[in-house]
Amino acid sequence: MKSSELGLSAMYRILKKSGAERVSDESADELRRVIEEIAMVVAKSAVEMSSHAGRKTVKAEDVKLASKPFTKF
């Protein structure tokens, strides 16, 4: 089994705060998998943006721009 960067208890809290009365182990684990997958795409894009700008440091603006396709607002 692959190690995770995000805690499972945080996934339970997110689902509960979103209105779930009960949360299955499988749903919390799947949410974690999906969030990590999206985070990896955003992070890679942010690194590319900072590199394209000639920087070694990834800035908040890189992450914000990279996350645009995933944000509702």
N, C-alpha and C. Protein backbone atom coordinates (compact mmCIF):
# COMPACT_ATOMS: atom_id res chain seq x y z
N MET A 1 0.84 -1.19 0.00
CA MET A 1 0.00 0.00 0.00
C MET A 1 0.88 1.24 0.00
N LYS A 2 0.50 2.20 -0.82
CA LYS A 2 1.23 3.46 -0.96
C LYS A 2 0.98 4.37 0.24
N SER A 3 2.03 5.01 0.70
CA SER A 3 1.90 5.94 1.83
C SER A 3 1.23 7.23 1.36
N SER A 4 0.52 7.87 2.27
CA SER A 4 -0.24 9.06 1.94
C SER A 4 0.35 10.29 2.61
N GLU A 5 0.20 11.42 1.96
CA GLU A 5 0.67 12.69 2.50
C GLU A 5 -0.38 13.34 3.40
N LEU A 6 -1.63 12.98 3.22
CA LEU A 6 -2.73 13.59 3.95
C LEU A 6 -3.33 12.61 4.95
N GLY A 7 -3.73 13.12 6.09
CA GLY A 7 -4.31 12.28 7.13
C GLY A 7 -5.75 11.90 6.84
N LEU A 8 -6.10 10.68 7.16
CA LEU A 8 -7.44 10.18 6.94
C LEU A 8 -8.47 10.89 7.82
N SER A 9 -8.08 11.26 9.02
CA SER A 9 -9.02 11.93 9.92
C SER A 9 -9.46 13.28 9.36
N ALA A 10 -8.59 13.94 8.63
CA ALA A 10 -8.96 15.21 8.00
C ALA A 10 -10.04 15.00 6.94
N MET A 11 -9.99 13.86 6.25
CA MET A 11 -10.99 13.56 5.23
C MET A 11 -12.36 13.34 5.87
N TYR A 12 -12.38 12.66 7.03
CA TYR A 12 -13.63 12.49 7.77
C TYR A 12 -14.21 13.84 8.15
N ARG A 13 -13.35 14.73 8.67
CA ARG A 13 -13.81 16.06 9.08
C ARG A 13 -14.36 16.86 7.90
N ILE A 14 -13.69 16.81 6.76
CA ILE A 14 -14.14 17.54 5.57
C ILE A 14 -15.51 17.03 5.13
N LEU A 15 -15.67 15.72 5.09
CA LEU A 15 -16.96 15.16 4.69
C LEU A 15 -18.06 15.51 5.69
N LYS A 16 -17.73 15.48 6.98
CA LYS A 16 -18.71 15.85 8.01
C LYS A 16 -19.09 17.32 7.91
N LYS A 17 -18.09 18.18 7.71
CA LYS A 17 -18.36 19.62 7.59
C LYS A 17 -19.16 19.93 6.33
N SER A 18 -19.11 19.02 5.36
CA SER A 18 -19.87 19.20 4.12
C SER A 18 -21.29 18.70 4.24
N GLY A 19 -21.65 18.18 5.42
CA GLY A 19 -23.03 17.80 5.68
C GLY A 19 -23.29 16.31 5.82
N ALA A 20 -22.28 15.47 5.71
CA ALA A 20 -22.50 14.02 5.84
C ALA A 20 -22.84 13.67 7.28
N GLU A 21 -23.86 12.85 7.46
CA GLU A 21 -24.19 12.37 8.80
C GLU A 21 -23.23 11.27 9.21
N ARG A 22 -22.99 10.36 8.26
CA ARG A 22 -22.07 9.25 8.51
C ARG A 22 -21.10 9.17 7.34
N VAL A 23 -19.88 8.73 7.63
CA VAL A 23 -18.82 8.66 6.62
C VAL A 23 -18.20 7.27 6.66
N SER A 24 -18.20 6.59 5.52
CA SER A 24 -17.58 5.27 5.47
C SER A 24 -16.07 5.40 5.33
N ASP A 25 -15.37 4.38 5.74
CA ASP A 25 -13.92 4.37 5.60
C ASP A 25 -13.51 4.50 4.13
N GLU A 26 -14.26 3.83 3.27
CA GLU A 26 -13.94 3.86 1.84
C GLU A 26 -14.11 5.26 1.24
N SER A 27 -15.13 5.99 1.69
CA SER A 27 -15.35 7.33 1.14
C SER A 27 -14.25 8.29 1.59
N ALA A 28 -13.83 8.18 2.84
CA ALA A 28 -12.74 9.04 3.33
C ALA A 28 -11.44 8.72 2.60
N ASP A 29 -11.19 7.45 2.38
CA ASP A 29 -9.98 7.04 1.68
C ASP A 29 -10.01 7.50 0.22
N GLU A 30 -11.17 7.41 -0.41
CA GLU A 30 -11.29 7.85 -1.81
C GLU A 30 -11.15 9.36 -1.93
N LEU A 31 -11.72 10.10 -0.99
CA LEU A 31 -11.55 11.56 -1.00
C LEU A 31 -10.08 11.91 -0.87
N ARG A 32 -9.37 11.22 0.00
CA ARG A 32 -7.94 11.46 0.17
C ARG A 32 -7.20 11.19 -1.14
N ARG A 33 -7.52 10.09 -1.80
CA ARG A 33 -6.86 9.75 -3.05
C ARG A 33 -7.11 10.82 -4.13
N VAL A 34 -8.35 11.26 -4.24
CA VAL A 34 -8.71 12.28 -5.24
C VAL A 34 -8.02 13.60 -4.94
N ILE A 35 -8.04 14.03 -3.69
CA ILE A 35 -7.41 15.30 -3.32
C ILE A 35 -5.91 15.25 -3.57
N GLU A 36 -5.27 14.13 -3.24
CA GLU A 36 -3.83 14.01 -3.49
C GLU A 36 -3.51 14.04 -4.98
N GLU A 37 -4.37 13.42 -5.78
CA GLU A 37 -4.18 13.42 -7.23
C GLU A 37 -4.28 14.85 -7.78
N ILE A 38 -5.29 15.58 -7.35
CA ILE A 38 -5.47 16.97 -7.79
C ILE A 38 -4.32 17.83 -7.30
N ALA A 39 -3.91 17.62 -6.05
CA ALA A 39 -2.80 18.40 -5.49
C ALA A 39 -1.51 18.18 -6.27
N MET A 40 -1.27 16.96 -6.73
CA MET A 40 -0.07 16.67 -7.51
C MET A 40 -0.11 17.40 -8.85
N VAL A 41 -1.27 17.44 -9.49
CA VAL A 41 -1.40 18.16 -10.76
C VAL A 41 -1.16 19.65 -10.55
N VAL A 42 -1.76 20.22 -9.51
CA VAL A 42 -1.59 21.65 -9.21
C VAL A 42 -0.13 21.94 -8.88
N ALA A 43 0.49 21.11 -8.07
CA ALA A 43 1.88 21.34 -7.67
C ALA A 43 2.82 21.28 -8.88
N LYS A 44 2.64 20.31 -9.74
CA LYS A 44 3.50 20.20 -10.93
C LYS A 44 3.34 21.41 -11.83
N SER A 45 2.10 21.86 -11.99
CA SER A 45 1.84 23.04 -12.81
C SER A 45 2.46 24.28 -12.18
N ALA A 46 2.37 24.43 -10.87
CA ALA A 46 2.96 25.57 -10.17
C ALA A 46 4.48 25.57 -10.30
N VAL A 47 5.08 24.40 -10.23
CA VAL A 47 6.54 24.30 -10.40
C VAL A 47 6.93 24.71 -11.82
N GLU A 48 6.16 24.27 -12.79
CA GLU A 48 6.43 24.66 -14.19
C GLU A 48 6.32 26.17 -14.36
N MET A 49 5.32 26.77 -13.73
CA MET A 49 5.13 28.23 -13.85
C MET A 49 6.30 28.98 -13.23
N SER A 50 6.75 28.55 -12.07
CA SER A 50 7.87 29.24 -11.43
C SER A 50 9.15 29.05 -12.25
N SER A 51 9.33 27.88 -12.80
CA SER A 51 10.50 27.61 -13.65
C SER A 51 10.45 28.47 -14.91
N HIS A 52 9.28 28.57 -15.51
CA HIS A 52 9.11 29.40 -16.72
C HIS A 52 9.40 30.87 -16.42
N ALA A 53 9.10 31.30 -15.20
CA ALA A 53 9.36 32.69 -14.79
C ALA A 53 10.82 32.88 -14.37
N GLY A 54 11.62 31.82 -14.44
CA GLY A 54 13.03 31.93 -14.10
C GLY A 54 13.30 31.88 -12.60
N ARG A 55 12.37 31.33 -11.84
CA ARG A 55 12.54 31.23 -10.39
C ARG A 55 12.68 29.79 -9.96
N LYS A 56 13.40 29.59 -8.86
CA LYS A 56 13.48 28.27 -8.24
C LYS A 56 12.43 28.12 -7.15
N THR A 57 11.93 29.25 -6.67
CA THR A 57 10.95 29.27 -5.59
C THR A 57 9.54 29.28 -6.16
N VAL A 58 8.71 28.39 -5.68
CA VAL A 58 7.30 28.38 -6.05
C VAL A 58 6.59 29.35 -5.11
N LYS A 59 5.88 30.30 -5.70
CA LYS A 59 5.18 31.31 -4.91
C LYS A 59 3.69 31.02 -4.87
N ALA A 60 3.02 31.68 -3.95
CA ALA A 60 1.57 31.50 -3.79
C ALA A 60 0.84 31.82 -5.08
N GLU A 61 1.30 32.82 -5.80
CA GLU A 61 0.64 33.20 -7.06
C GLU A 61 0.73 32.07 -8.09
N ASP A 62 1.81 31.29 -8.07
CA ASP A 62 1.94 30.14 -8.97
C ASP A 62 0.89 29.09 -8.63
N VAL A 63 0.73 28.84 -7.35
CA VAL A 63 -0.25 27.84 -6.90
C VAL A 63 -1.67 28.31 -7.22
N LYS A 64 -1.96 29.59 -6.98
CA LYS A 64 -3.29 30.13 -7.28
C LYS A 64 -3.60 30.00 -8.76
N LEU A 65 -2.65 30.36 -9.60
CA LEU A 65 -2.87 30.27 -11.04
C LEU A 65 -3.01 28.82 -11.48
N ALA A 66 -2.22 27.95 -10.94
CA ALA A 66 -2.26 26.53 -11.30
C ALA A 66 -3.56 25.87 -10.84
N SER A 67 -4.16 26.38 -9.78
CA SER A 67 -5.38 25.78 -9.25
C SER A 67 -6.66 26.32 -9.88
N LYS A 68 -6.56 27.32 -10.73
CA LYS A 68 -7.73 27.93 -11.35
C LYS A 68 -8.71 26.91 -11.95
N PRO A 69 -8.23 25.90 -12.71
CA PRO A 69 -9.19 24.94 -13.29
C PRO A 69 -9.97 24.14 -12.26
N PHE A 70 -9.51 24.11 -11.01
CA PHE A 70 -10.15 23.30 -9.98
C PHE A 70 -10.98 24.11 -9.01
N THR A 71 -10.95 25.43 -9.14
CA THR A 71 -11.68 26.28 -8.19
C THR A 71 -13.01 26.70 -8.78
N LYS A 72 -13.98 26.83 -7.91
CA LYS A 72 -15.35 27.19 -8.33
C LYS A 72 -15.48 28.69 -8.52
N PHE A 73 -14.70 29.45 -7.79
CA PHE A 73 -14.84 30.91 -7.82
C PHE A 73 -13.73 31.55 -8.58
